[in-house]
C-alpha atoms as a PDB file:
ATOM      1  CA  MET A   1     -76.931 -16.619-117.770  1.00  0.00           C
ATOM      2  CA  THR A   2     -74.896 -14.704-115.279  1.00  0.00           C
ATOM      3  CA  LYS A   3     -75.095 -10.774-114.995  1.00  0.00           C
ATOM      4  CA  GLU A   4     -72.116  -9.191-114.876  1.00  0.00           C
ATOM      5  CA  MET A   5     -71.241  -6.866-112.012  1.00  0.00           C
ATOM      6  CA  GLY A   6     -70.729  -3.023-113.208  1.00  0.00           C
ATOM      7  CA  PRO A   7     -68.316  -0.406-111.455  1.00  0.00           C
ATOM      8  CA  GLY A   8     -70.727   0.578-109.544  1.00  0.00           C
ATOM      9  CA  ALA A   9     -71.529  -2.431-107.559  1.00  0.00           C
ATOM     10  CA  THR A  10     -67.740  -3.438-107.611  1.00  0.00           C
ATOM     11  CA  ALA A  11     -66.849  -0.884-105.931  1.00  0.00           C
ATOM     12  CA  VAL A  12     -69.745  -1.163-103.304  1.00  0.00           C
ATOM     13  CA  ALA A  13     -68.556  -4.638-102.588  1.00  0.00           C
ATOM     14  CA  GLU A  14     -64.971  -3.322-102.397  1.00  0.00           C
ATOM     15  CA  THR A  15     -65.953  -0.799 -99.979  1.00  0.00           C
ATOM     16  CA  SER A  16     -68.109  -3.630 -97.973  1.00  0.00           C
ATOM     17  CA  LEU A  17     -64.664  -6.156 -97.762  1.00  0.00           C
ATOM     18  CA  MET A  18     -63.122  -3.218 -96.875  1.00  0.00           C
ATOM     19  CA  GLN A  19     -65.040  -1.882 -94.190  1.00  0.00           C
ATOM     20  CA  ARG A  20     -64.929  -5.555 -93.085  1.00  0.00           C
ATOM     21  CA  THR A  21     -61.644  -5.831 -92.814  1.00  0.00           C
ATOM     22  CA  VAL A  22     -60.718  -2.888 -91.222  1.00  0.00           C
ATOM     23  CA  ASP A  23     -63.771  -3.851 -88.552  1.00  0.00           C
ATOM     24  CA  ARG A  24     -61.954  -7.312 -87.972  1.00  0.00           C
ATOM     25  CA  LEU A  25     -58.676  -5.507 -87.639  1.00  0.00           C
ATOM     26  CA  GLY A  26     -60.164  -2.957 -84.986  1.00  0.00           C
ATOM     27  CA  SER A  27     -61.968  -5.356 -82.836  1.00  0.00           C
ATOM     28  CA  GLY A  28     -58.713  -7.894 -82.855  1.00  0.00           C
ATOM     29  CA  LEU A  29     -56.525  -4.690 -81.439  1.00  0.00           C
ATOM     30  CA  LEU A  30     -58.910  -3.534 -79.169  1.00  0.00           C
ATOM     31  CA  ALA A  31     -59.161  -7.250 -77.903  1.00  0.00           C
ATOM     32  CA  ALA A  32     -54.793  -7.484 -77.323  1.00  0.00           C
ATOM     33  CA  LEU A  33     -55.333  -4.530 -75.610  1.00  0.00           C
ATOM     34  CA  CYS A  34     -58.134  -5.801 -73.300  1.00  0.00           C
ATOM     35  CA  LEU A  35     -56.652  -9.366 -72.897  1.00  0.00           C
ATOM     36  CA  THR A  36     -52.698  -7.107 -72.421  1.00  0.00           C
ATOM     37  CA  GLY A  37     -54.606  -4.825 -69.627  1.00  0.00           C
ATOM     38  CA  ALA A  38     -56.076  -7.557 -67.749  1.00  0.00           C
ATOM     39  CA  VAL A  39     -52.784  -9.560 -67.800  1.00  0.00           C
ATOM     40  CA  LEU A  40     -50.814  -6.941 -66.370  1.00  0.00           C
ATOM     41  CA  LEU A  41     -53.226  -6.760 -63.711  1.00  0.00           C
ATOM     42  CA  TRP A  42     -53.777 -10.055 -62.722  1.00  0.00           C
ATOM     43  CA  GLY A  43     -50.105 -10.645 -62.946  1.00  0.00           C
ATOM     44  CA  THR A  44     -49.543  -8.082 -60.332  1.00  0.00           C
ATOM     45  CA  SER A  45     -52.868  -8.836 -58.419  1.00  0.00           C
ATOM     46  CA  PHE A  46     -50.480 -11.961 -56.784  1.00  0.00           C
ATOM     47  CA  MET A  47     -48.021  -9.395 -55.760  1.00  0.00           C
ATOM     48  CA  ALA A  48     -50.017  -6.682 -54.252  1.00  0.00           C
ATOM     49  CA  THR A  49     -52.368  -9.776 -52.214  1.00  0.00           C
ATOM     50  CA  LYS A  50     -48.877 -11.013 -51.103  1.00  0.00           C
ATOM     51  CA  SER A  51     -48.168  -7.335 -49.733  1.00  0.00           C
ATOM     52  CA  ALA A  52     -51.790  -7.251 -48.626  1.00  0.00           C
ATOM     53  CA  LEU A  53     -51.626 -10.336 -45.935  1.00  0.00           C
ATOM     54  CA  ALA A  54     -48.545  -8.707 -44.725  1.00  0.00           C
ATOM     55  CA  GLY A  55     -51.265  -6.419 -42.540  1.00  0.00           C
ATOM     56  CA  PHE A  56     -55.051  -7.975 -43.082  1.00  0.00           C
ATOM     57  CA  ALA A  57     -56.038 -11.367 -42.542  1.00  0.00           C
ATOM     58  CA  PRO A  58     -57.274 -13.537 -46.075  1.00  0.00           C
ATOM     59  CA  MET A  59     -60.619 -13.124 -45.472  1.00  0.00           C
ATOM     60  CA  ILE A  60     -60.375  -9.592 -45.122  1.00  0.00           C
ATOM     61  CA  VAL A  61     -58.373  -8.550 -47.794  1.00  0.00           C
ATOM     62  CA  ILE A  62     -60.939 -10.039 -50.095  1.00  0.00           C
ATOM     63  CA  TRP A  63     -63.746  -8.342 -48.539  1.00  0.00           C
ATOM     64  CA  LEU A  64     -62.010  -5.523 -48.577  1.00  0.00           C
ATOM     65  CA  ARG A  65     -61.011  -5.044 -52.224  1.00  0.00           C
ATOM     66  CA  MET A  66     -64.815  -6.331 -53.456  1.00  0.00           C
ATOM     67  CA  PHE A  67     -66.430  -3.341 -50.984  1.00  0.00           C
ATOM     68  CA  LEU A  68     -63.970  -0.950 -53.080  1.00  0.00           C
ATOM     69  CA  ALA A  69     -64.568  -2.470 -56.601  1.00  0.00           C
ATOM     70  CA  SER A  70     -68.626  -2.132 -55.218  1.00  0.00           C
ATOM     71  CA  LEU A  71     -68.182   1.306 -54.375  1.00  0.00           C
ATOM     72  CA  ILE A  72     -66.541   1.918 -57.964  1.00  0.00           C
ATOM     73  CA  VAL A  73     -70.249   0.008 -59.159  1.00  0.00           C
ATOM     74  CA  ALA A  74     -72.350   2.070 -57.144  1.00  0.00           C
ATOM     75  CA  VAL A  75     -71.344   5.138 -59.008  1.00  0.00           C
ATOM     76  CA  ILE A  76     -71.459   3.859 -62.261  1.00  0.00           C
ATOM     77  CA  TRP A  77     -74.013   1.863 -62.578  1.00  0.00           C
ATOM     78  CA  ARG A  78     -76.601   3.572 -64.415  1.00  0.00           C
ATOM     79  CA  ARG A  79     -74.152   3.966 -67.373  1.00  0.00           C
ATOM     80  CA  ILE A  80     -73.740   0.038 -67.438  1.00  0.00           C
ATOM     81  CA  PRO A  81     -76.492  -1.740 -70.426  1.00  0.00           C
ATOM     82  CA  ALA A  82     -78.818  -3.587 -68.644  1.00  0.00           C
ATOM     83  CA  PRO A  83     -78.680  -7.085 -69.623  1.00  0.00           C
ATOM     84  CA  ASP A  84     -81.248  -9.226 -71.853  1.00  0.00           C
ATOM     85  CA  TYR A  85     -82.577 -11.513 -68.914  1.00  0.00           C
ATOM     86  CA  ARG A  86     -84.544 -14.589 -70.147  1.00  0.00           C
ATOM     87  CA  ALA A  87     -86.326 -16.904 -67.760  1.00  0.00           C
ATOM     88  CA  GLY A  88     -84.024 -19.784 -65.812  1.00  0.00           C
ATOM     89  CA  ASP A  89     -80.850 -17.438 -65.982  1.00  0.00           C
ATOM     90  CA  TRP A  90     -80.375 -16.369 -62.477  1.00  0.00           C
ATOM     91  CA  LYS A  91     -79.539 -20.355 -61.995  1.00  0.00           C
ATOM     92  CA  VAL A  92     -76.851 -19.526 -64.527  1.00  0.00           C
ATOM     93  CA  LEU A  93     -76.271 -16.554 -62.893  1.00  0.00           C
ATOM     94  CA  ALA A  94     -75.522 -17.927 -59.575  1.00  0.00           C
ATOM     95  CA  PHE A  95     -73.594 -20.942 -60.733  1.00  0.00           C
ATOM     96  CA  LEU A  96     -71.285 -18.240 -62.248  1.00  0.00           C
ATOM     97  CA  CYS A  97     -71.333 -16.483 -59.240  1.00  0.00           C
ATOM     98  CA  LEU A  98     -70.335 -19.852 -56.951  1.00  0.00           C
ATOM     99  CA  MET A  99     -67.370 -20.275 -59.080  1.00  0.00           C
ATOM    100  CA  GLN A 100     -66.570 -16.919 -59.127  1.00  0.00           C
ATOM    101  CA  PRO A 101     -65.821 -14.710 -56.766  1.00  0.00           C
ATOM    102  CA  CYS A 102     -67.012 -17.328 -54.544  1.00  0.00           C
ATOM    103  CA  CYS A 103     -64.576 -20.591 -54.582  1.00  0.00           C
ATOM    104  CA  TYR A 104     -62.302 -18.909 -56.492  1.00  0.00           C
ATOM    105  CA  PHE A 105     -61.299 -15.917 -54.223  1.00  0.00           C
ATOM    106  CA  LEU A 106     -62.024 -18.704 -51.002  1.00  0.00           C
ATOM    107  CA  LEU A 107     -59.233 -20.600 -52.389  1.00  0.00           C
ATOM    108  CA  GLU A 108     -56.985 -18.054 -54.078  1.00  0.00           C
ATOM    109  CA  GLY A 109     -57.044 -16.141 -50.461  1.00  0.00           C
ATOM    110  CA  TYR A 110     -55.423 -19.071 -48.539  1.00  0.00           C
ATOM    111  CA  ALA A 111     -53.185 -20.407 -51.328  1.00  0.00           C
ATOM    112  CA  ILE A 112     -51.226 -17.059 -51.758  1.00  0.00           C
ATOM    113  CA  SER A 113     -50.955 -17.126 -47.773  1.00  0.00           C
ATOM    114  CA  LEU A 114     -49.434 -20.701 -47.974  1.00  0.00           C
ATOM    115  CA  THR A 115     -46.850 -20.291 -51.057  1.00  0.00           C
ATOM    116  CA  THR A 116     -45.066 -17.604 -52.443  1.00  0.00           C
ATOM    117  CA  SER A 117     -46.380 -14.724 -55.269  1.00  0.00           C
ATOM    118  CA  SER A 118     -44.627 -16.423 -58.150  1.00  0.00           C
ATOM    119  CA  GLN A 119     -45.502 -20.037 -57.662  1.00  0.00           C
ATOM    120  CA  ALA A 120     -48.771 -18.953 -57.391  1.00  0.00           C
ATOM    121  CA  GLY A 121     -48.784 -16.803 -60.591  1.00  0.00           C
ATOM    122  CA  MET A 122     -46.733 -19.849 -62.661  1.00  0.00           C
ATOM    123  CA  ILE A 123     -50.078 -22.373 -61.786  1.00  0.00           C
ATOM    124  CA  SER A 124     -52.369 -19.907 -63.031  1.00  0.00           C
ATOM    125  CA  ALA A 125     -51.279 -21.245 -67.157  1.00  0.00           C
ATOM    126  CA  LEU A 126     -53.264 -24.348 -66.216  1.00  0.00           C
ATOM    127  CA  VAL A 127     -56.209 -22.094 -66.896  1.00  0.00           C
ATOM    128  CA  PRO A 128     -55.794 -22.113 -71.089  1.00  0.00           C
ATOM    129  CA  LEU A 129     -55.990 -25.528 -71.099  1.00  0.00           C
ATOM    130  CA  LEU A 130     -58.644 -25.946 -68.879  1.00  0.00           C
ATOM    131  CA  VAL A 131     -60.773 -23.480 -70.670  1.00  0.00           C
ATOM    132  CA  ALA A 132     -59.859 -24.648 -73.872  1.00  0.00           C
ATOM    133  CA  VAL A 133     -61.206 -28.213 -72.974  1.00  0.00           C
ATOM    134  CA  GLY A 134     -64.015 -26.526 -71.846  1.00  0.00           C
ATOM    135  CA  ALA A 135     -65.122 -24.984 -74.722  1.00  0.00           C
ATOM    136  CA  TRP A 136     -64.662 -27.581 -76.744  1.00  0.00           C
ATOM    137  CA  ALA A 137     -66.418 -29.691 -74.476  1.00  0.00           C
ATOM    138  CA  ILE A 138     -69.109 -27.038 -74.219  1.00  0.00           C
ATOM    139  CA  LEU A 139     -69.459 -24.510 -76.518  1.00  0.00           C
ATOM    140  CA  LYS A 140     -68.284 -26.446 -79.285  1.00  0.00           C
ATOM    141  CA  GLU A 141     -65.274 -24.208 -80.322  1.00  0.00           C
ATOM    142  CA  PRO A 142     -62.583 -25.905 -82.339  1.00  0.00           C
ATOM    143  CA  MET A 143     -59.208 -26.699 -81.529  1.00  0.00           C
ATOM    144  CA  SER A 144     -56.787 -25.398 -84.295  1.00  0.00           C
ATOM    145  CA  ALA A 145     -53.290 -27.224 -84.635  1.00  0.00           C
ATOM    146  CA  ARG A 146     -51.238 -24.586 -83.885  1.00  0.00           C
ATOM    147  CA  GLY A 147     -53.542 -23.233 -81.158  1.00  0.00           C
ATOM    148  CA  VAL A 148     -52.558 -26.745 -79.279  1.00  0.00           C
ATOM    149  CA  VAL A 149     -48.853 -26.521 -80.020  1.00  0.00           C
ATOM    150  CA  GLY A 150     -49.020 -22.922 -78.754  1.00  0.00           C
ATOM    151  CA  LEU A 151     -50.922 -24.511 -75.656  1.00  0.00           C
ATOM    152  CA  LEU A 152     -48.353 -27.109 -75.048  1.00  0.00           C
ATOM    153  CA  VAL A 153     -45.538 -24.475 -75.506  1.00  0.00           C
ATOM    154  CA  SER A 154     -46.742 -22.229 -72.680  1.00  0.00           C
ATOM    155  CA  ILE A 155     -47.492 -24.924 -70.908  1.00  0.00           C
ATOM    156  CA  GLY A 156     -44.140 -26.310 -71.128  1.00  0.00           C
ATOM    157  CA  GLY A 157     -42.501 -23.265 -69.884  1.00  0.00           C
ATOM    158  CA  VAL A 158     -44.651 -22.848 -67.085  1.00  0.00           C
ATOM    159  CA  VAL A 159     -43.512 -26.281 -65.952  1.00  0.00           C
ATOM    160  CA  TRP A 160     -39.948 -25.264 -66.437  1.00  0.00           C
ATOM    161  CA  LEU A 161     -41.041 -22.282 -64.172  1.00  0.00           C
ATOM    162  CA  SER A 162     -42.480 -24.243 -61.356  1.00  0.00           C
ATOM    163  CA  MET A 163     -39.147 -26.302 -61.599  1.00  0.00           C
ATOM    164  CA  GLY A 164     -36.712 -23.553 -60.799  1.00  0.00           C
ATOM    165  CA  GLY A 165     -38.887 -21.855 -58.190  1.00  0.00           C
ATOM    166  CA  ALA A 166     -38.165 -22.436 -54.465  1.00  0.00           C
ATOM    167  CA  SER A 167     -40.108 -22.442 -51.575  1.00  0.00           C
ATOM    168  CA  GLY A 168     -39.211 -19.350 -48.676  1.00  0.00           C
ATOM    169  CA  GLU A 169     -40.072 -17.222 -45.814  1.00  0.00           C
ATOM    170  CA  ASN A 170     -42.864 -15.970 -47.541  1.00  0.00           C
ATOM    171  CA  ALA A 171     -44.036 -19.831 -48.309  1.00  0.00           C
ATOM    172  CA  PRO A 172     -44.737 -21.884 -45.078  1.00  0.00           C
ATOM    173  CA  ASN A 173     -46.986 -24.109 -46.839  1.00  0.00           C
ATOM    174  CA  PRO A 174     -46.186 -24.521 -50.551  1.00  0.00           C
ATOM    175  CA  ALA A 175     -47.919 -27.856 -51.090  1.00  0.00           C
ATOM    176  CA  LEU A 176     -50.763 -27.061 -49.635  1.00  0.00           C
ATOM    177  CA  GLY A 177     -50.627 -23.507 -51.188  1.00  0.00           C
ATOM    178  CA  ASN A 178     -50.386 -24.099 -54.747  1.00  0.00           C
ATOM    179  CA  LEU A 179     -52.846 -27.145 -54.670  1.00  0.00           C
ATOM    180  CA  MET A 180     -55.475 -24.271 -53.656  1.00  0.00           C
ATOM    181  CA  GLU A 181     -53.954 -22.736 -56.160  1.00  0.00           C
ATOM    182  CA  VAL A 182     -54.797 -25.824 -58.847  1.00  0.00           C
ATOM    183  CA  GLY A 183     -58.620 -25.554 -57.630  1.00  0.00           C
ATOM    184  CA  ALA A 184     -58.685 -21.528 -57.727  1.00  0.00           C
ATOM    185  CA  MET A 185     -57.875 -21.946 -61.571  1.00  0.00           C
ATOM    186  CA  ILE A 186     -60.216 -24.760 -61.893  1.00  0.00           C
ATOM    187  CA  CYS A 187     -63.417 -22.190 -60.433  1.00  0.00           C
ATOM    188  CA  ALA A 188     -61.924 -19.506 -62.939  1.00  0.00           C
ATOM    189  CA  ALA A 189     -61.738 -22.329 -66.100  1.00  0.00           C
ATOM    190  CA  ILE A 190     -65.480 -23.457 -65.576  1.00  0.00           C
ATOM    191  CA  TYR A 191     -66.801 -19.514 -64.685  1.00  0.00           C
ATOM    192  CA  MET A 192     -64.964 -18.324 -68.344  1.00  0.00           C
ATOM    193  CA  VAL A 193     -66.396 -20.822 -70.128  1.00  0.00           C
ATOM    194  CA  VAL A 194     -70.073 -20.241 -68.428  1.00  0.00           C
ATOM    195  CA  LEU A 195     -69.568 -16.269 -69.010  1.00  0.00           C
ATOM    196  CA  LYS A 196     -68.649 -16.885 -72.993  1.00  0.00           C
ATOM    197  CA  ARG A 197     -72.451 -17.579 -73.098  1.00  0.00           C
ATOM    198  CA  LEU A 198     -73.787 -15.120 -70.754  1.00  0.00           C
ATOM    199  CA  SER A 199     -71.971 -12.665 -72.914  1.00  0.00           C
ATOM    200  CA  VAL A 200     -73.794 -12.935 -75.764  1.00  0.00           C
ATOM    201  CA  ARG A 201     -77.116 -11.172 -73.633  1.00  0.00           C
ATOM    202  CA  TYR A 202     -75.400  -9.669 -70.722  1.00  0.00           C
ATOM    203  CA  SER A 203     -72.724  -6.761 -70.938  1.00  0.00           C
ATOM    204  CA  THR A 204     -69.334  -7.957 -69.307  1.00  0.00           C
ATOM    205  CA  TRP A 205     -69.373  -4.740 -67.312  1.00  0.00           C
ATOM    206  CA  TRP A 206     -72.871  -5.900 -66.048  1.00  0.00           C
ATOM    207  CA  LEU A 207     -71.573  -9.120 -65.256  1.00  0.00           C
ATOM    208  CA  THR A 208     -68.113  -8.017 -63.775  1.00  0.00           C
ATOM    209  CA  SER A 209     -70.069  -5.374 -61.892  1.00  0.00           C
ATOM    210  CA  MET A 210     -72.467  -8.719 -60.703  1.00  0.00           C
ATOM    211  CA  GLN A 211     -69.589 -10.503 -59.513  1.00  0.00           C
ATOM    212  CA  CYS A 212     -68.736  -7.741 -57.096  1.00  0.00           C
ATOM    213  CA  VAL A 213     -71.445  -6.810 -55.382  1.00  0.00           C
ATOM    214  CA  VAL A 214     -71.712 -10.828 -54.857  1.00  0.00           C
ATOM    215  CA  GLY A 215     -68.312 -10.601 -52.967  1.00  0.00           C
ATOM    216  CA  ALA A 216     -68.756  -8.228 -51.114  1.00  0.00           C
ATOM    217  CA  VAL A 217     -71.810  -9.782 -49.738  1.00  0.00           C
ATOM    218  CA  PHE A 218     -69.984 -13.181 -49.338  1.00  0.00           C
ATOM    219  CA  PHE A 219     -66.873 -12.574 -48.060  1.00  0.00           C
ATOM    220  CA  LEU A 220     -68.393 -10.442 -45.672  1.00  0.00           C
ATOM    221  CA  PRO A 221     -69.396 -13.121 -42.680  1.00  0.00           C
ATOM    222  CA  TRP A 222     -65.865 -14.280 -43.436  1.00  0.00           C
ATOM    223  CA  ALA A 223     -64.447 -11.269 -43.251  1.00  0.00           C
ATOM    224  CA  LEU A 224     -65.795 -11.051 -39.337  1.00  0.00           C
ATOM    225  CA  MET A 225     -65.275 -14.720 -38.307  1.00  0.00           C
ATOM    226  CA  THR A 226     -61.604 -13.846 -38.768  1.00  0.00           C
ATOM    227  CA  GLY A 227     -61.411 -11.473 -35.498  1.00  0.00           C
ATOM    228  CA  GLY A 228     -62.723  -8.177 -37.192  1.00  0.00           C
ATOM    229  CA  PHE A 229     -60.829  -5.575 -38.830  1.00  0.00           C
ATOM    230  CA  PRO A 230     -57.339  -4.655 -36.988  1.00  0.00           C
ATOM    231  CA  PHE A 231     -57.273  -0.958 -39.152  1.00  0.00           C
ATOM    232  CA  GLY A 232     -54.770   0.773 -36.380  1.00  0.00           C
ATOM    233  CA  SER A 233     -52.139  -1.704 -36.475  1.00  0.00           C
ATOM    234  CA  VAL A 234     -51.873  -1.877 -40.529  1.00  0.00           C
ATOM    235  CA  PRO A 235     -48.994  -0.647 -42.146  1.00  0.00           C
ATOM    236  CA  MET A 236     -49.491   1.593 -45.117  1.00  0.00           C
ATOM    237  CA  SER A 237     -48.014  -0.543 -48.064  1.00  0.00           C
ATOM    238  CA  ALA A 238     -50.891  -2.949 -46.952  1.00  0.00           C
ATOM    239  CA  TRP A 239     -53.618  -0.087 -47.561  1.00  0.00           C
ATOM    240  CA  LEU A 240     -52.385   0.664 -50.590  1.00  0.00           C
ATOM    241  CA  ALA A 241     -52.179  -3.141 -51.866  1.00  0.00           C
ATOM    242  CA  VAL A 242     -55.951  -3.829 -51.000  1.00  0.00           C
ATOM    243  CA  GLY A 243     -56.749  -0.222 -53.137  1.00  0.00           C
ATOM    244  CA  TYR A 244     -54.746  -1.489 -56.054  1.00  0.00           C
ATOM    245  CA  LEU A 245     -56.680  -4.304 -55.871  1.00  0.00           C
ATOM    246  CA  GLY A 246     -60.138  -3.342 -54.827  1.00  0.00           C
ATOM    247  CA  LEU A 247     -60.075  -0.361 -57.387  1.00  0.00           C
ATOM    248  CA  PHE A 248     -57.801  -1.875 -59.938  1.00  0.00           C
ATOM    249  CA  VAL A 249     -57.907  -5.474 -60.497  1.00  0.00           C
ATOM    250  CA  SER A 250     -61.142  -6.631 -59.063  1.00  0.00           C
ATOM    251  CA  LEU A 251     -62.872  -4.937 -61.436  1.00  0.00           C
ATOM    252  CA  GLY A 252     -60.485  -3.801 -63.780  1.00  0.00           C
ATOM    253  CA  ALA A 253     -58.785  -7.152 -65.040  1.00  0.00           C
ATOM    254  CA  PHE A 254     -62.190  -8.481 -65.043  1.00  0.00           C
ATOM    255  CA  GLY A 255     -64.461  -6.094 -67.022  1.00  0.00           C
ATOM    256  CA  LEU A 256     -61.475  -6.238 -69.510  1.00  0.00           C
ATOM    257  CA  TYR A 257     -60.974 -10.069 -69.903  1.00  0.00           C
ATOM    258  CA  ASN A 258     -64.940 -10.713 -70.312  1.00  0.00           C
ATOM    259  CA  MET A 259     -64.748  -7.582 -72.659  1.00  0.00           C
ATOM    260  CA  ALA A 260     -62.056  -9.100 -74.460  1.00  0.00           C
ATOM    261  CA  MET A 261     -63.942 -12.496 -74.863  1.00  0.00           C
ATOM    262  CA  THR A 262     -66.683 -11.061 -76.972  1.00  0.00           C
ATOM    263  CA  PHE A 263     -64.431 -10.251 -80.189  1.00  0.00           C
ATOM    264  CA  MET A 264     -63.161 -13.713 -79.343  1.00  0.00           C
ATOM    265  CA  PRO A 265     -63.398 -17.552 -78.947  1.00  0.00           C
ATOM    266  CA  ALA A 266     -63.443 -18.304 -74.994  1.00  0.00           C
ATOM    267  CA  GLY A 267     -60.310 -21.315 -75.671  1.00  0.00           C
ATOM    268  CA  LYS A 268     -58.384 -18.490 -77.669  1.00  0.00           C
ATOM    269  CA  ALA A 269     -58.966 -15.420 -75.311  1.00  0.00           C
ATOM    270  CA  ALA A 270     -57.488 -17.741 -72.581  1.00  0.00           C
ATOM    271  CA  LEU A 271     -54.460 -18.890 -74.237  1.00  0.00           C
ATOM    272  CA  SER A 272     -52.937 -15.434 -72.724  1.00  0.00           C
ATOM    273  CA  ILE A 273     -53.461 -15.842 -69.209  1.00  0.00           C
ATOM    274  CA  ASN A 274     -50.006 -18.137 -69.754  1.00  0.00           C
ATOM    275  CA  LEU A 275     -48.422 -14.263 -69.516  1.00  0.00           C
ATOM    276  CA  VAL A 276     -49.685 -14.116 -66.192  1.00  0.00           C
ATOM    277  CA  SER A 277     -47.627 -16.158 -65.060  1.00  0.00           C
ATOM    278  CA  PRO A 278     -44.051 -14.227 -66.284  1.00  0.00           C
ATOM    279  CA  VAL A 279     -45.498 -11.080 -65.032  1.00  0.00           C
ATOM    280  CA  ALA A 280     -46.189 -12.259 -61.234  1.00  0.00           C
ATOM    281  CA  LEU A 281     -42.654 -13.985 -61.213  1.00  0.00           C
ATOM    282  CA  ILE A 282     -40.977 -10.652 -62.416  1.00  0.00           C
ATOM    283  CA  ALA A 283     -43.640  -8.694 -60.257  1.00  0.00           C
ATOM    284  CA  GLY A 284     -42.659 -10.544 -57.349  1.00  0.00           C
ATOM    285  CA  TRP A 285     -39.152 -10.328 -57.644  1.00  0.00           C
ATOM    286  CA  LEU A 286     -39.113  -6.655 -58.013  1.00  0.00           C
ATOM    287  CA  MET A 287     -41.186  -5.932 -55.095  1.00  0.00           C
ATOM    288  CA  LEU A 288     -40.738  -8.682 -53.094  1.00  0.00           C
ATOM    289  CA  GLY A 289     -37.281  -9.653 -53.626  1.00  0.00           C
ATOM    290  CA  GLU A 290     -38.230 -13.314 -54.366  1.00  0.00           C
ATOM    291  CA  THR A 291     -36.002 -15.639 -56.731  1.00  0.00           C
ATOM    292  CA  LEU A 292     -35.928 -15.371 -60.098  1.00  0.00           C
ATOM    293  CA  THR A 293     -33.202 -17.147 -61.963  1.00  0.00           C
ATOM    294  CA  PHE A 294     -31.847 -17.063 -65.042  1.00  0.00           C
ATOM    295  CA  ALA A 295     -33.824 -20.510 -65.986  1.00  0.00           C
ATOM    296  CA  GLN A 296     -36.802 -18.984 -65.094  1.00  0.00           C
ATOM    297  CA  ILE A 297     -36.186 -15.643 -67.149  1.00  0.00           C
ATOM    298  CA  ALA A 298     -35.559 -18.058 -69.911  1.00  0.00           C
ATOM    299  CA  ALA A 299     -39.188 -20.175 -69.461  1.00  0.00           C
ATOM    300  CA  CYS A 300     -40.793 -16.740 -69.242  1.00  0.00           C
ATOM    301  CA  CYS A 301     -39.812 -15.829 -72.782  1.00  0.00           C
ATOM    302  CA  VAL A 302     -40.995 -19.747 -73.841  1.00  0.00           C
ATOM    303  CA  VAL A 303     -44.303 -18.825 -71.987  1.00  0.00           C
ATOM    304  CA  GLY A 304     -44.449 -15.838 -74.323  1.00  0.00           C
ATOM    305  CA  GLY A 305     -43.332 -17.782 -77.413  1.00  0.00           C
ATOM    306  CA  GLY A 306     -46.077 -20.351 -76.920  1.00  0.00           C
ATOM    307  CA  VAL A 307     -48.774 -17.129 -76.594  1.00  0.00           C
ATOM    308  CA  PHE A 308     -47.592 -15.949 -80.150  1.00  0.00           C
ATOM    309  CA  VAL A 309     -47.769 -19.464 -81.923  1.00  0.00           C
ATOM    310  CA  GLY A 310     -51.017 -20.141 -80.206  1.00  0.00           C
ATOM    311  CA  ARG A 311     -52.528 -16.715 -81.177  1.00  0.00           C
ATOM    312  CA  LYS A 312     -54.208 -17.583 -84.147  1.00  0.00           C
END
């Protein structure tokens, strides 16, 4: 015999349901804000890197941004929650750092010196496809029909962007540069899938901070081997670009994205990276005078539409 719920029990159940709904909406809004911030920072990072390369060698740019981010980490370290470390985690953490920042920035640093910031930004749209496949294969995350459609539409928009792009004075070897950028995106995708597993027991800001410190140590020998630090002859624009990369992008973009991944599947979070391409294209056009055609503007709209369709 089923026992009917009284008015009090019904009210409690409705309140609980409402609270869960509010919590779900709140976490969804927070994730969306984190992803928006990460996309804007990442999208403008290609332009900033190109500006920094006007005064520094690629490896020096990367070391400086990691060093500046590490200084912030030193200040806030005590406020970052300690991780739930378990035996053997060091192997996963080491692999995570090998993919990013080590291999990722090693490839991307040289890639942007060979191609335009716009074209490098376009290639970042490969990440969602790679992450979705990796999350499906490793994390057993489902791939919905809507997500697949959104992914295909946004990838199609990026292909359109690439077809409308052209090499210029700032792209001495765009083919090689774009190929290296593809390698960097593969490293980024592997990193995101592995990080999703660790984020259950590790604070995303702890992981992001670890990246910065490891990057500062790893890239110091590379920077020294390129001929040292010609600080006296560097234009102010290059210094400002390095400061932006180190103080905002290296720590902020990765931290915000990593935080968003704690609220949603890795594949769904990665879909937002398709918006990095239009942001990079527009930033390169506004700040560096890189080409932006009507077809590329239309392609940006297609990319955004694909992200909107696949967001659920």
